[in-house]
C-alpha atoms as a PDB file:
ATOM      1  CA  MET A   1    -105.346  74.061 -13.441  1.00  0.00           C
ATOM      2  CA  ASN A   2    -108.319  75.992 -12.109  1.00  0.00           C
ATOM      3  CA  GLN A   3    -108.294  76.569  -8.334  1.00  0.00           C
ATOM      4  CA  TYR A   4    -111.081  74.509  -6.796  1.00  0.00           C
ATOM      5  CA  VAL A   5    -112.617  74.428  -3.348  1.00  0.00           C
ATOM      6  CA  VAL A   6    -114.510  71.152  -2.901  1.00  0.00           C
ATOM      7  CA  TYR A   7    -117.368  70.852  -0.411  1.00  0.00           C
ATOM      8  CA  THR A   8    -118.542  67.323   0.250  1.00  0.00           C
ATOM      9  CA  ASP A   9    -121.163  65.515   2.261  1.00  0.00           C
ATOM     10  CA  LEU A  10    -119.851  62.508   4.186  1.00  0.00           C
ATOM     11  CA  ASP A  11    -122.479  59.781   4.767  1.00  0.00           C
ATOM     12  CA  GLY A  12    -123.512  58.370   1.402  1.00  0.00           C
ATOM     13  CA  THR A  13    -121.062  60.568  -0.518  1.00  0.00           C
ATOM     14  CA  LEU A  14    -117.443  60.380   0.600  1.00  0.00           C
ATOM     15  CA  LEU A  15    -118.324  57.540   3.012  1.00  0.00           C
ATOM     16  CA  ASP A  16    -120.175  54.328   2.227  1.00  0.00           C
ATOM     17  CA  ILE A  17    -123.729  54.718   3.529  1.00  0.00           C
ATOM     18  CA  ASN A  18    -123.762  51.332   5.270  1.00  0.00           C
ATOM     19  CA  THR A  19    -120.182  50.713   6.429  1.00  0.00           C
ATOM     20  CA  TYR A  20    -118.962  54.350   6.699  1.00  0.00           C
ATOM     21  CA  SER A  21    -115.789  53.218   4.926  1.00  0.00           C
ATOM     22  CA  PHE A  22    -113.773  55.771   2.930  1.00  0.00           C
ATOM     23  CA  ASP A  23    -111.548  53.186   1.237  1.00  0.00           C
ATOM     24  CA  LEU A  24    -112.954  53.800  -2.262  1.00  0.00           C
ATOM     25  CA  ALA A  25    -112.500  57.577  -1.868  1.00  0.00           C
ATOM     26  CA  LYS A  26    -109.023  57.561  -0.305  1.00  0.00           C
ATOM     27  CA  GLU A  27    -107.091  57.790  -3.566  1.00  0.00           C
ATOM     28  CA  ALA A  28    -109.229  60.707  -4.802  1.00  0.00           C
ATOM     29  CA  VAL A  29    -108.740  62.580  -1.505  1.00  0.00           C
ATOM     30  CA  GLY A  30    -104.990  61.983  -1.838  1.00  0.00           C
ATOM     31  CA  GLU A  31    -105.081  63.596  -5.285  1.00  0.00           C
ATOM     32  CA  LEU A  32    -106.833  66.660  -3.868  1.00  0.00           C
ATOM     33  CA  ASN A  33    -104.226  66.900  -1.114  1.00  0.00           C
ATOM     34  CA  ALA A  34    -101.413  66.578  -3.648  1.00  0.00           C
ATOM     35  CA  HIS A  35    -102.864  69.426  -5.735  1.00  0.00           C
ATOM     36  CA  GLN A  36    -103.481  71.553  -2.593  1.00  0.00           C
ATOM     37  CA  ILE A  37    -107.198  71.702  -3.299  1.00  0.00           C
ATOM     38  CA  PRO A  38    -109.170  72.346  -0.082  1.00  0.00           C
ATOM     39  CA  LEU A  39    -111.638  69.577   0.756  1.00  0.00           C
ATOM     40  CA  VAL A  40    -114.303  70.946   3.085  1.00  0.00           C
ATOM     41  CA  PHE A  41    -116.446  68.375   4.890  1.00  0.00           C
ATOM     42  CA  CYS A  42    -120.052  69.601   5.053  1.00  0.00           C
ATOM     43  CA  SER A  43    -122.025  67.032   6.983  1.00  0.00           C
ATOM     44  CA  THR A  44    -124.455  66.231   9.789  1.00  0.00           C
ATOM     45  CA  LYS A  45    -121.507  64.674  11.613  1.00  0.00           C
ATOM     46  CA  THR A  46    -120.109  66.201  14.805  1.00  0.00           C
ATOM     47  CA  PHE A  47    -116.830  68.005  15.467  1.00  0.00           C
ATOM     48  CA  ALA A  48    -115.338  64.832  16.998  1.00  0.00           C
ATOM     49  CA  GLU A  49    -116.383  62.672  14.047  1.00  0.00           C
ATOM     50  CA  GLN A  50    -115.076  65.075  11.422  1.00  0.00           C
ATOM     51  CA  ILE A  51    -111.742  65.502  13.203  1.00  0.00           C
ATOM     52  CA  TYR A  52    -111.372  61.705  13.064  1.00  0.00           C
ATOM     53  CA  TYR A  53    -111.996  61.557   9.294  1.00  0.00           C
ATOM     54  CA  GLN A  54    -109.756  64.556   8.649  1.00  0.00           C
ATOM     55  CA  HIS A  55    -106.912  62.856  10.508  1.00  0.00           C
ATOM     56  CA  GLU A  56    -107.444  59.546   8.686  1.00  0.00           C
ATOM     57  CA  LEU A  57    -107.472  61.212   5.261  1.00  0.00           C
ATOM     58  CA  GLY A  58    -104.848  63.901   5.835  1.00  0.00           C
ATOM     59  CA  VAL A  59    -107.331  66.751   5.298  1.00  0.00           C
ATOM     60  CA  THR A  60    -106.551  70.128   6.890  1.00  0.00           C
ATOM     61  CA  ALA A  61    -109.226  72.476   5.493  1.00  0.00           C
ATOM     62  CA  PRO A  62    -112.039  74.119   7.462  1.00  0.00           C
ATOM     63  CA  PHE A  63    -115.141  71.957   7.965  1.00  0.00           C
ATOM     64  CA  ILE A  64    -118.867  72.420   8.526  1.00  0.00           C
ATOM     65  CA  VAL A  65    -120.562  70.373  11.251  1.00  0.00           C
ATOM     66  CA  GLU A  66    -124.088  69.303  12.133  1.00  0.00           C
ATOM     67  CA  ASN A  67    -125.838  70.272   8.915  1.00  0.00           C
ATOM     68  CA  GLY A  68    -124.403  73.791   8.727  1.00  0.00           C
ATOM     69  CA  SER A  69    -124.671  74.633  12.432  1.00  0.00           C
ATOM     70  CA  ALA A  70    -121.029  75.716  12.810  1.00  0.00           C
ATOM     71  CA  ILE A  71    -117.867  76.250  10.785  1.00  0.00           C
ATOM     72  CA  PHE A  72    -114.542  75.163  12.284  1.00  0.00           C
ATOM     73  CA  ILE A  73    -111.505  76.935  10.845  1.00  0.00           C
ATOM     74  CA  PRO A  74    -107.963  75.906  11.791  1.00  0.00           C
ATOM     75  CA  GLN A  75    -106.127  78.755  13.463  1.00  0.00           C
ATOM     76  CA  ASN A  76    -103.994  80.720  10.964  1.00  0.00           C
ATOM     77  CA  TYR A  77    -105.656  78.978   7.978  1.00  0.00           C
ATOM     78  CA  PHE A  78    -106.670  82.379   6.631  1.00  0.00           C
ATOM     79  CA  SER A  79    -104.031  85.106   6.789  1.00  0.00           C
ATOM     80  CA  PHE A  80    -106.551  87.933   7.291  1.00  0.00           C
ATOM     81  CA  PRO A  81    -108.872  88.786  10.199  1.00  0.00           C
ATOM     82  CA  TYR A  82    -112.500  87.616  10.159  1.00  0.00           C
ATOM     83  CA  HIS A  83    -115.353  87.337  12.632  1.00  0.00           C
ATOM     84  CA  PHE A  84    -115.689  84.164  14.688  1.00  0.00           C
ATOM     85  CA  ASP A  85    -117.774  83.398  17.774  1.00  0.00           C
ATOM     86  CA  SER A  86    -115.652  81.048  19.870  1.00  0.00           C
ATOM     87  CA  GLN A  87    -112.508  78.946  19.940  1.00  0.00           C
ATOM     88  CA  VAL A  88    -112.411  75.154  20.389  1.00  0.00           C
ATOM     89  CA  GLU A  89    -108.923  73.684  20.743  1.00  0.00           C
ATOM     90  CA  SER A  90    -106.985  75.078  17.757  1.00  0.00           C
ATOM     91  CA  TYR A  91    -110.108  75.978  15.755  1.00  0.00           C
ATOM     92  CA  GLN A  92    -111.919  79.282  15.408  1.00  0.00           C
ATOM     93  CA  VAL A  93    -115.660  78.657  15.280  1.00  0.00           C
ATOM     94  CA  ILE A  94    -118.376  80.550  13.408  1.00  0.00           C
ATOM     95  CA  GLU A  95    -121.673  79.487  14.977  1.00  0.00           C
ATOM     96  CA  LEU A  96    -125.000  79.518  13.123  1.00  0.00           C
ATOM     97  CA  GLY A  97    -126.969  76.979  15.164  1.00  0.00           C
ATOM     98  CA  LYS A  98    -128.816  77.030  18.488  1.00  0.00           C
ATOM     99  CA  PRO A  99    -127.605  75.071  21.548  1.00  0.00           C
ATOM    100  CA  VAL A 100    -128.686  71.426  21.720  1.00  0.00           C
ATOM    101  CA  SER A 101    -130.261  72.039  25.167  1.00  0.00           C
ATOM    102  CA  LEU A 102    -132.998  74.104  23.449  1.00  0.00           C
ATOM    103  CA  ILE A 103    -133.602  71.275  20.975  1.00  0.00           C
ATOM    104  CA  ARG A 104    -133.911  68.678  23.735  1.00  0.00           C
ATOM    105  CA  LYS A 105    -136.543  70.837  25.465  1.00  0.00           C
ATOM    106  CA  ALA A 106    -138.493  71.295  22.223  1.00  0.00           C
ATOM    107  CA  MET A 107    -138.512  67.554  21.628  1.00  0.00           C
ATOM    108  CA  ARG A 108    -139.809  66.898  25.134  1.00  0.00           C
ATOM    109  CA  ASP A 109    -142.593  69.414  24.445  1.00  0.00           C
ATOM    110  CA  ILE A 110    -143.479  67.686  21.163  1.00  0.00           C
ATOM    111  CA  ASN A 111    -143.620  64.273  22.803  1.00  0.00           C
ATOM    112  CA  ARG A 112    -145.980  65.698  25.418  1.00  0.00           C
ATOM    113  CA  ASN A 113    -148.132  67.919  23.176  1.00  0.00           C
ATOM    114  CA  LEU A 114    -148.439  65.576  20.184  1.00  0.00           C
ATOM    115  CA  GLY A 115    -148.354  62.304  22.080  1.00  0.00           C
ATOM    116  CA  MET A 116    -145.326  61.161  20.100  1.00  0.00           C
ATOM    117  CA  ARG A 117    -142.238  59.254  21.174  1.00  0.00           C
ATOM    118  CA  LEU A 118    -139.393  60.870  19.295  1.00  0.00           C
ATOM    119  CA  ARG A 119    -136.119  59.072  19.967  1.00  0.00           C
ATOM    120  CA  GLY A 120    -132.565  60.244  19.459  1.00  0.00           C
ATOM    121  CA  PHE A 121    -129.211  58.509  19.751  1.00  0.00           C
ATOM    122  CA  ASN A 122    -128.948  59.550  23.394  1.00  0.00           C
ATOM    123  CA  ASP A 123    -132.241  57.795  24.187  1.00  0.00           C
ATOM    124  CA  MET A 124    -130.966  54.354  23.190  1.00  0.00           C
ATOM    125  CA  PRO A 125    -128.732  51.908  25.083  1.00  0.00           C
ATOM    126  CA  MET A 126    -125.219  51.451  23.719  1.00  0.00           C
ATOM    127  CA  ASP A 127    -125.697  47.837  22.580  1.00  0.00           C
ATOM    128  CA  GLU A 128    -128.765  48.855  20.551  1.00  0.00           C
ATOM    129  CA  LEU A 129    -126.835  51.713  18.945  1.00  0.00           C
ATOM    130  CA  GLU A 130    -123.979  49.361  18.052  1.00  0.00           C
ATOM    131  CA  ARG A 131    -126.408  47.043  16.241  1.00  0.00           C
ATOM    132  CA  LEU A 132    -128.200  49.908  14.488  1.00  0.00           C
ATOM    133  CA  LEU A 133    -125.152  51.859  13.332  1.00  0.00           C
ATOM    134  CA  GLY A 134    -122.577  49.107  12.971  1.00  0.00           C
ATOM    135  CA  LEU A 135    -119.997  51.252  14.779  1.00  0.00           C
ATOM    136  CA  ASP A 136    -117.736  50.600  17.739  1.00  0.00           C
ATOM    137  CA  LYS A 137    -118.270  52.392  21.055  1.00  0.00           C
ATOM    138  CA  ASP A 138    -115.597  55.035  20.391  1.00  0.00           C
ATOM    139  CA  LYS A 139    -117.212  56.130  17.101  1.00  0.00           C
ATOM    140  CA  ILE A 140    -120.661  56.110  18.698  1.00  0.00           C
ATOM    141  CA  HIS A 141    -119.428  58.408  21.485  1.00  0.00           C
ATOM    142  CA  LYS A 142    -118.129  60.772  18.778  1.00  0.00           C
ATOM    143  CA  ALA A 143    -121.543  60.690  17.070  1.00  0.00           C
ATOM    144  CA  LEU A 144    -123.305  61.431  20.364  1.00  0.00           C
ATOM    145  CA  ALA A 145    -121.246  64.586  20.995  1.00  0.00           C
ATOM    146  CA  LYS A 146    -123.689  66.935  19.270  1.00  0.00           C
ATOM    147  CA  SER A 147    -123.680  70.613  20.215  1.00  0.00           C
ATOM    148  CA  TYR A 148    -126.301  72.082  17.846  1.00  0.00           C
ATOM    149  CA  THR A 149    -128.569  69.315  16.505  1.00  0.00           C
ATOM    150  CA  LYS A 150    -130.368  66.144  17.500  1.00  0.00           C
ATOM    151  CA  THR A 151    -130.688  63.088  15.274  1.00  0.00           C
ATOM    152  CA  LEU A 152    -134.032  61.273  15.267  1.00  0.00           C
ATOM    153  CA  LEU A 153    -134.219  57.509  14.833  1.00  0.00           C
ATOM    154  CA  ASN A 154    -137.946  57.431  14.125  1.00  0.00           C
ATOM    155  CA  SER A 155    -139.426  56.467  10.771  1.00  0.00           C
ATOM    156  CA  LEU A 156    -141.785  59.376  10.133  1.00  0.00           C
ATOM    157  CA  SER A 157    -144.665  59.844   7.713  1.00  0.00           C
ATOM    158  CA  GLU A 158    -144.974  63.048   5.701  1.00  0.00           C
ATOM    159  CA  LYS A 159    -147.919  64.044   7.891  1.00  0.00           C
ATOM    160  CA  GLU A 160    -145.896  63.502  11.081  1.00  0.00           C
ATOM    161  CA  VAL A 161    -142.997  65.565   9.721  1.00  0.00           C
ATOM    162  CA  LEU A 162    -145.348  68.469   8.968  1.00  0.00           C
ATOM    163  CA  LYS A 163    -146.787  68.325  12.499  1.00  0.00           C
ATOM    164  CA  ILE A 164    -143.304  68.249  14.021  1.00  0.00           C
ATOM    165  CA  LYS A 165    -142.179  71.180  11.838  1.00  0.00           C
ATOM    166  CA  GLU A 166    -145.151  73.232  12.993  1.00  0.00           C
ATOM    167  CA  GLU A 167    -144.292  72.618  16.665  1.00  0.00           C
ATOM    168  CA  LEU A 168    -140.558  73.178  16.198  1.00  0.00           C
ATOM    169  CA  LEU A 169    -141.187  76.527  14.495  1.00  0.00           C
ATOM    170  CA  LYS A 170    -142.431  77.894  17.831  1.00  0.00           C
ATOM    171  CA  SER A 171    -138.877  77.493  19.162  1.00  0.00           C
ATOM    172  CA  GLY A 172    -137.111  78.687  15.999  1.00  0.00           C
ATOM    173  CA  LEU A 173    -136.239  75.119  14.990  1.00  0.00           C
ATOM    174  CA  THR A 174    -136.875  72.836  12.024  1.00  0.00           C
ATOM    175  CA  ILE A 175    -136.391  69.233  10.873  1.00  0.00           C
ATOM    176  CA  ALA A 176    -134.421  68.011   7.838  1.00  0.00           C
ATOM    177  CA  LYS A 177    -133.990  64.603   6.211  1.00  0.00           C
ATOM    178  CA  GLY A 178    -130.449  63.310   5.794  1.00  0.00           C
ATOM    179  CA  SER A 179    -129.146  60.207   4.031  1.00  0.00           C
ATOM    180  CA  LYS A 180    -130.389  57.941   6.826  1.00  0.00           C
ATOM    181  CA  PHE A 181    -132.014  59.931   9.627  1.00  0.00           C
ATOM    182  CA  TYR A 182    -133.888  63.142  10.379  1.00  0.00           C
ATOM    183  CA  SER A 183    -132.100  65.974  12.192  1.00  0.00           C
ATOM    184  CA  VAL A 184    -133.611  68.720  14.339  1.00  0.00           C
ATOM    185  CA  MET A 185    -131.781  72.048  14.164  1.00  0.00           C
ATOM    186  CA  SER A 186    -132.121  75.823  14.123  1.00  0.00           C
ATOM    187  CA  ILE A 187    -134.371  77.173  11.373  1.00  0.00           C
ATOM    188  CA  ASP A 188    -131.533  79.593  10.520  1.00  0.00           C
ATOM    189  CA  THR A 189    -129.189  76.682   9.827  1.00  0.00           C
ATOM    190  CA  ASP A 190    -128.468  74.816   6.616  1.00  0.00           C
ATOM    191  CA  LYS A 191    -125.422  73.701   4.664  1.00  0.00           C
ATOM    192  CA  GLY A 192    -125.860  76.412   2.045  1.00  0.00           C
ATOM    193  CA  LYS A 193    -125.626  79.296   4.521  1.00  0.00           C
ATOM    194  CA  ALA A 194    -122.411  77.909   5.976  1.00  0.00           C
ATOM    195  CA  VAL A 195    -120.925  77.327   2.512  1.00  0.00           C
ATOM    196  CA  LYS A 196    -121.688  80.927   1.492  1.00  0.00           C
ATOM    197  CA  ILE A 197    -119.808  82.230   4.549  1.00  0.00           C
ATOM    198  CA  LEU A 198    -116.782  80.068   3.768  1.00  0.00           C
ATOM    199  CA  ASN A 199    -116.905  81.024   0.082  1.00  0.00           C
ATOM    200  CA  GLU A 200    -116.571  84.675   1.105  1.00  0.00           C
ATOM    201  CA  LEU A 201    -113.442  83.802   3.078  1.00  0.00           C
ATOM    202  CA  PHE A 202    -111.987  81.691   0.263  1.00  0.00           C
ATOM    203  CA  ALA A 203    -112.643  84.602  -2.129  1.00  0.00           C
ATOM    204  CA  LYS A 204    -110.187  86.635  -0.059  1.00  0.00           C
ATOM    205  CA  LYS A 205    -107.673  83.776   0.007  1.00  0.00           C
ATOM    206  CA  TYR A 206    -107.753  83.125  -3.755  1.00  0.00           C
ATOM    207  CA  LYS A 207    -108.091  85.732  -6.485  1.00  0.00           C
ATOM    208  CA  GLN A 208    -110.300  83.344  -8.409  1.00  0.00           C
ATOM    209  CA  PHE A 209    -111.689  79.889  -7.616  1.00  0.00           C
ATOM    210  CA  THR A 210    -114.488  77.500  -8.513  1.00  0.00           C
ATOM    211  CA  SER A 211    -116.597  76.105  -5.698  1.00  0.00           C
ATOM    212  CA  VAL A 212    -117.681  72.483  -6.086  1.00  0.00           C
ATOM    213  CA  GLY A 213    -120.350  70.647  -4.083  1.00  0.00           C
ATOM    214  CA  ILE A 214    -120.839  66.885  -3.891  1.00  0.00           C
ATOM    215  CA  GLY A 215    -123.831  65.315  -2.163  1.00  0.00           C
ATOM    216  CA  ASP A 216    -126.493  62.631  -2.335  1.00  0.00           C
ATOM    217  CA  GLY A 217    -129.497  63.692  -0.230  1.00  0.00           C
ATOM    218  CA  LEU A 218    -132.168  66.284   0.436  1.00  0.00           C
ATOM    219  CA  ASN A 219    -130.176  68.072   3.129  1.00  0.00           C
ATOM    220  CA  ASP A 220    -127.359  68.618   0.589  1.00  0.00           C
ATOM    221  CA  PHE A 221    -129.649  70.680  -1.668  1.00  0.00           C
ATOM    222  CA  PRO A 222    -128.905  74.040   0.061  1.00  0.00           C
ATOM    223  CA  MET A 223    -125.168  73.381  -0.419  1.00  0.00           C
ATOM    224  CA  LEU A 224    -125.568  72.346  -4.051  1.00  0.00           C
ATOM    225  CA  LYS A 225    -127.602  75.483  -4.861  1.00  0.00           C
ATOM    226  CA  VAL A 226    -124.847  77.905  -3.793  1.00  0.00           C
ATOM    227  CA  VAL A 227    -121.744  76.337  -5.395  1.00  0.00           C
ATOM    228  CA  ASP A 228    -120.494  76.918  -8.940  1.00  0.00           C
ATOM    229  CA  ARG A 229    -120.513  73.222  -9.846  1.00  0.00           C
ATOM    230  CA  PRO A 230    -122.945  70.970  -7.984  1.00  0.00           C
ATOM    231  CA  PHE A 231    -122.690  67.192  -8.327  1.00  0.00           C
ATOM    232  CA  LEU A 232    -125.216  64.585  -7.191  1.00  0.00           C
ATOM    233  CA  VAL A 233    -124.066  60.994  -6.664  1.00  0.00           C
ATOM    234  CA  GLN A 234    -126.480  58.082  -6.614  1.00  0.00           C
ATOM    235  CA  ARG A 235    -128.060  56.755  -3.440  1.00  0.00           C
ATOM    236  CA  HIS A 236    -127.132  53.266  -2.262  1.00  0.00           C
ATOM    237  CA  LYS A 237    -129.909  51.638  -4.368  1.00  0.00           C
ATOM    238  CA  GLY A 238    -128.639  53.248  -7.554  1.00  0.00           C
ATOM    239  CA  PHE A 239    -131.069  56.166  -7.911  1.00  0.00           C
ATOM    240  CA  TRP A 240    -130.677  59.912  -7.576  1.00  0.00           C
ATOM    241  CA  GLU A 241    -132.491  62.015  -5.010  1.00  0.00           C
ATOM    242  CA  ASN A 242    -135.155  64.124  -6.725  1.00  0.00           C
ATOM    243  CA  LEU A 243    -133.596  67.582  -6.465  1.00  0.00           C
ATOM    244  CA  ASN A 244    -135.101  70.213  -8.748  1.00  0.00           C
ATOM    245  CA  HIS A 245    -132.141  72.332  -9.808  1.00  0.00           C
ATOM    246  CA  GLY A 246    -131.123  72.424 -13.456  1.00  0.00           C
ATOM    247  CA  ASN A 247    -127.445  73.091 -12.809  1.00  0.00           C
ATOM    248  CA  ILE A 248    -126.804  69.813 -10.932  1.00  0.00           C
ATOM    249  CA  GLU A 249    -124.542  67.308 -12.686  1.00  0.00           C
ATOM    250  CA  LYS A 250    -125.646  63.725 -11.969  1.00  0.00           C
ATOM    251  CA  ILE A 251    -122.934  61.113 -11.492  1.00  0.00           C
ATOM    252  CA  GLU A 252    -123.698  57.485 -12.371  1.00  0.00           C
ATOM    253  CA  ALA A 253    -122.030  55.951  -9.345  1.00  0.00           C
ATOM    254  CA  VAL A 254    -122.888  55.391  -5.702  1.00  0.00           C
ATOM    255  CA  SER A 255    -121.380  57.222  -2.679  1.00  0.00           C
ATOM    256  CA  SER A 256    -117.550  56.894  -2.528  1.00  0.00           C
ATOM    257  CA  GLN A 257    -117.308  55.748  -6.141  1.00  0.00           C
ATOM    258  CA  GLY A 258    -119.372  58.743  -7.217  1.00  0.00           C
ATOM    259  CA  PHE A 259    -117.206  61.089  -5.138  1.00  0.00           C
ATOM    260  CA  SER A 260    -114.082  59.675  -6.795  1.00  0.00           C
ATOM    261  CA  LYS A 261    -115.584  60.102 -10.270  1.00  0.00           C
ATOM    262  CA  VAL A 262    -116.224  63.789  -9.574  1.00  0.00           C
ATOM    263  CA  ILE A 263    -112.636  64.348  -8.449  1.00  0.00           C
ATOM    264  CA  GLN A 264    -111.286  62.536 -11.526  1.00  0.00           C
ATOM    265  CA  LEU A 265    -113.476  64.750 -13.720  1.00  0.00           C
ATOM    266  CA  LEU A 266    -112.248  67.945 -12.045  1.00  0.00           C
ATOM    267  CA  LEU A 267    -108.579  67.032 -12.196  1.00  0.00           C
ATOM    268  CA  ALA A 268    -108.837  66.113 -15.879  1.00  0.00           C
ATOM    269  CA  GLN A 269    -110.011  69.614 -16.797  1.00  0.00           C
END
């Protein structure tokens, strides 16, 4: 069997977009683990959130947090030396993003200069967040622990997004649409840049491998453009995001079911 490295989005891909359940993907993840195929989470989710899902699914590969803002690599995962910027617990961290304190300041400036009221998770009371996200307090605290990005809860028009982008650019920041919410992050950050760095490391680990990307939304496009085999699963209403890249293989299934179909396809080859 060909050696694969699988990069996957979480919300709306491996996880159900509404319930965040991984039940329908659990068997497929187990197959990857059994075949020793690295499964790299590449998501807007935080370090704390991704550690939780890794533990639940028995995944031990490196992972990419907050839309490509940082790569967390388990200590001794690679047997050769490589550059990293910091260490968090037992993980060596390659940082691409800017600190969240800079993003908070930029958002305050936008609210003042544009007369807007941009709201993030941290601006809402806990009971309101529980109703909005359908998560318990522990999972919400994990989601709030962002180091490099800020999630916006606002519904924004195209015109508003363009105005916000123009203001954010002054601070070296940008805004990107995820499966549910917008995220504010460093302009030098995206999933594709982080995947390319990890691919270089995996190229030293394996003599030959095929990189696979699985996603569902606009912010997955940078990841899907840099892998050998990109797959796009359907959004929760049964349609595909309009991503203009001829190499993308479209899967006729939604989120976790689509993820599982991709894994079945890979393992059958």
